Amino acid sequence: MDLAGIDHVTIRTRPQDVDALRDFYRDVVGLYEGRRADFIFPGHWMYLGDSPVVHLAGTLAADGPAPMGPGNTGQFDHVSFRATDIPATRAHLDRLGLTYAEVPVPGLPVHQIFFHDPTGVKIELTFYNENA
């Protein structure tokens, strides 16, 4: 078996929360909504280029507790997107009023910015060969 890379990440949530997640991944992360399979549950596929990299699935019970807040990710820790332009990214997140943490990677020319989506999933933006 030969692997070529990560295909997508699926985030499960309540049906009534899928639109807020779509808005977050569009407006904050910069993905766009595209064609999605004809599943019987509500959701959105969020694209990066030609690939649907984040699948939002409204498969949790509508009357269950909202899976909200940082750190509520179960065994899943985070999803990382390769990014560029650290100053512009900081300005964008600041304009949106998002709390984020910056972490340089020791011994490598890599810088990371972390924040959380509305359901608590940690998002990492990874910057290669940029001065923080």
Protein backbone atom coordinates (compact mmCIF):
# COMPACT_ATOMS: atom_id res chain seq x y z
CA MET A 1 0.00 0.00 0.00
CA ASP A 2 1.31 3.44 -0.95
CA LEU A 3 -0.17 6.55 0.64
CA ALA A 4 -0.19 9.87 -1.16
CA GLY A 5 -1.31 12.24 1.62
CA ILE A 6 -4.24 13.19 3.81
CA ASP A 7 -7.52 13.26 1.90
CA HIS A 8 -9.88 14.99 4.35
CA VAL A 9 -10.96 15.48 7.95
CA THR A 10 -14.57 14.91 9.06
CA ILE A 11 -16.07 16.93 11.91
CA ARG A 12 -19.30 15.55 13.35
CA THR A 13 -21.75 17.96 14.96
CA ARG A 14 -25.46 18.54 15.55
CA PRO A 15 -27.49 19.33 12.41
CA GLN A 16 -28.26 22.85 13.60
CA ASP A 17 -24.53 23.63 13.95
CA VAL A 18 -23.32 22.72 10.45
CA ASP A 19 -23.98 26.17 8.96
CA ALA A 20 -22.01 27.94 11.70
CA LEU A 21 -19.11 25.57 11.08
CA ARG A 22 -19.33 26.19 7.33
CA ASP A 23 -19.17 29.93 7.97
CA PHE A 24 -16.14 29.49 10.25
CA TYR A 25 -14.16 27.38 7.81
CA ARG A 26 -15.06 29.79 5.00
CA ASP A 27 -14.62 33.14 6.77
CA VAL A 28 -11.79 32.32 9.19
CA VAL A 29 -9.78 29.54 7.56
CA GLY A 30 -10.43 30.58 3.95
CA LEU A 31 -11.85 27.35 2.53
CA TYR A 32 -14.82 27.44 0.17
CA GLU A 33 -17.96 25.31 0.02
CA GLY A 34 -18.22 22.96 -2.92
CA ARG A 35 -20.04 19.91 -4.22
CA ARG A 36 -20.97 17.32 -1.59
CA ALA A 37 -22.23 13.77 -1.87
CA ASP A 38 -26.00 13.27 -1.52
CA PHE A 39 -25.94 12.04 2.07
CA ILE A 40 -29.22 11.84 4.03
CA PHE A 41 -27.81 14.03 6.83
CA PRO A 42 -27.04 17.76 6.60
CA GLY A 43 -23.51 18.96 6.08
CA HIS A 44 -21.03 20.78 3.92
CA TRP A 45 -17.78 19.92 2.17
CA MET A 46 -15.19 22.66 2.44
CA TYR A 47 -12.59 22.83 -0.31
CA LEU A 48 -8.97 23.86 -0.59
CA GLY A 49 -8.22 24.12 -4.29
CA ASP A 50 -9.90 21.19 -5.99
CA SER A 51 -10.06 19.01 -2.86
CA PRO A 52 -12.82 18.77 -0.22
CA VAL A 53 -10.48 18.70 2.79
CA VAL A 54 -12.98 19.33 5.63
CA HIS A 55 -16.25 17.40 5.71
CA LEU A 56 -18.86 18.80 8.10
CA ALA A 57 -21.41 16.17 9.08
CA GLY A 58 -24.59 16.91 11.04
CA THR A 59 -24.78 13.36 12.38
CA LEU A 60 -24.99 13.98 16.14
CA ALA A 61 -28.35 14.06 17.89
CA ALA A 62 -30.11 17.40 17.40
CA ASP A 63 -31.37 17.34 20.98
CA GLY A 64 -27.99 16.35 22.44
CA PRO A 65 -25.51 18.67 24.08
CA ALA A 66 -23.65 21.03 21.83
CA PRO A 67 -20.04 19.89 21.37
CA MET A 68 -18.76 23.40 21.95
CA GLY A 69 -15.60 24.84 23.42
CA PRO A 70 -11.84 24.42 23.08
CA GLY A 71 -10.48 20.99 23.83
CA ASN A 72 -13.69 19.05 23.15
CA THR A 73 -12.14 16.91 20.42
CA GLY A 74 -12.09 13.43 21.90
CA GLN A 75 -9.08 11.48 20.64
CA PHE A 76 -8.64 13.83 17.69
CA ASP A 77 -6.17 16.62 18.44
CA HIS A 78 -6.03 19.00 15.47
CA VAL A 79 -6.00 19.58 11.74
CA SER A 80 -3.18 21.56 10.13
CA PHE A 81 -3.25 23.68 7.00
CA ARG A 82 -0.07 24.90 5.32
CA ALA A 83 -0.20 28.70 5.26
CA THR A 84 1.82 31.75 4.24
CA ASP A 85 2.18 35.36 5.43
CA ILE A 86 2.29 35.32 9.22
CA PRO A 87 1.65 39.09 9.65
CA ALA A 88 -1.46 39.01 7.42
CA THR A 89 -2.72 35.92 9.25
CA ARG A 90 -2.32 37.60 12.64
CA ALA A 91 -4.15 40.69 11.37
CA HIS A 92 -7.00 38.54 10.00
CA LEU A 93 -7.43 36.61 13.26
CA ASP A 94 -7.19 39.82 15.30
CA ARG A 95 -9.87 41.50 13.14
CA LEU A 96 -12.14 38.53 13.84
CA GLY A 97 -11.43 38.71 17.58
CA LEU A 98 -10.13 35.13 17.71
CA THR A 99 -7.81 33.99 20.45
CA TYR A 100 -4.79 32.16 19.10
CA ALA A 101 -1.41 30.87 20.24
CA GLU A 102 1.85 30.96 18.32
CA VAL A 103 4.41 28.19 18.63
CA PRO A 104 7.78 28.15 16.88
CA VAL A 105 9.04 24.63 16.18
CA PRO A 106 12.43 24.15 17.90
CA GLY A 107 15.30 23.51 15.51
CA LEU A 108 13.25 23.91 12.31
CA PRO A 109 12.26 26.92 10.19
CA VAL A 110 8.59 26.26 11.04
CA HIS A 111 6.10 28.48 12.89
CA GLN A 112 2.62 27.44 13.99
CA ILE A 113 -0.52 29.37 14.88
CA PHE A 114 -3.27 27.50 16.77
CA PHE A 115 -6.93 28.39 17.39
CA HIS A 116 -10.25 26.55 17.77
CA ASP A 117 -13.37 26.28 15.65
CA PRO A 118 -16.85 26.79 17.19
CA THR A 119 -17.09 23.11 18.21
CA GLY A 120 -13.66 23.00 19.85
CA VAL A 121 -11.62 21.41 17.06
CA LYS A 122 -8.07 22.74 17.16
CA ILE A 123 -6.85 24.32 13.91
CA GLU A 124 -3.15 24.68 13.18
CA LEU A 125 -1.73 26.93 10.51
CA THR A 126 1.80 25.84 9.62
CA PHE A 127 4.23 28.35 8.11
CA TYR A 128 7.48 27.11 6.55
CA ASN A 129 10.55 29.27 6.11
CA GLU A 130 8.92 32.49 7.33
CA ASN A 131 10.25 34.78 10.03
CA ALA A 132 7.75 35.12 12.83
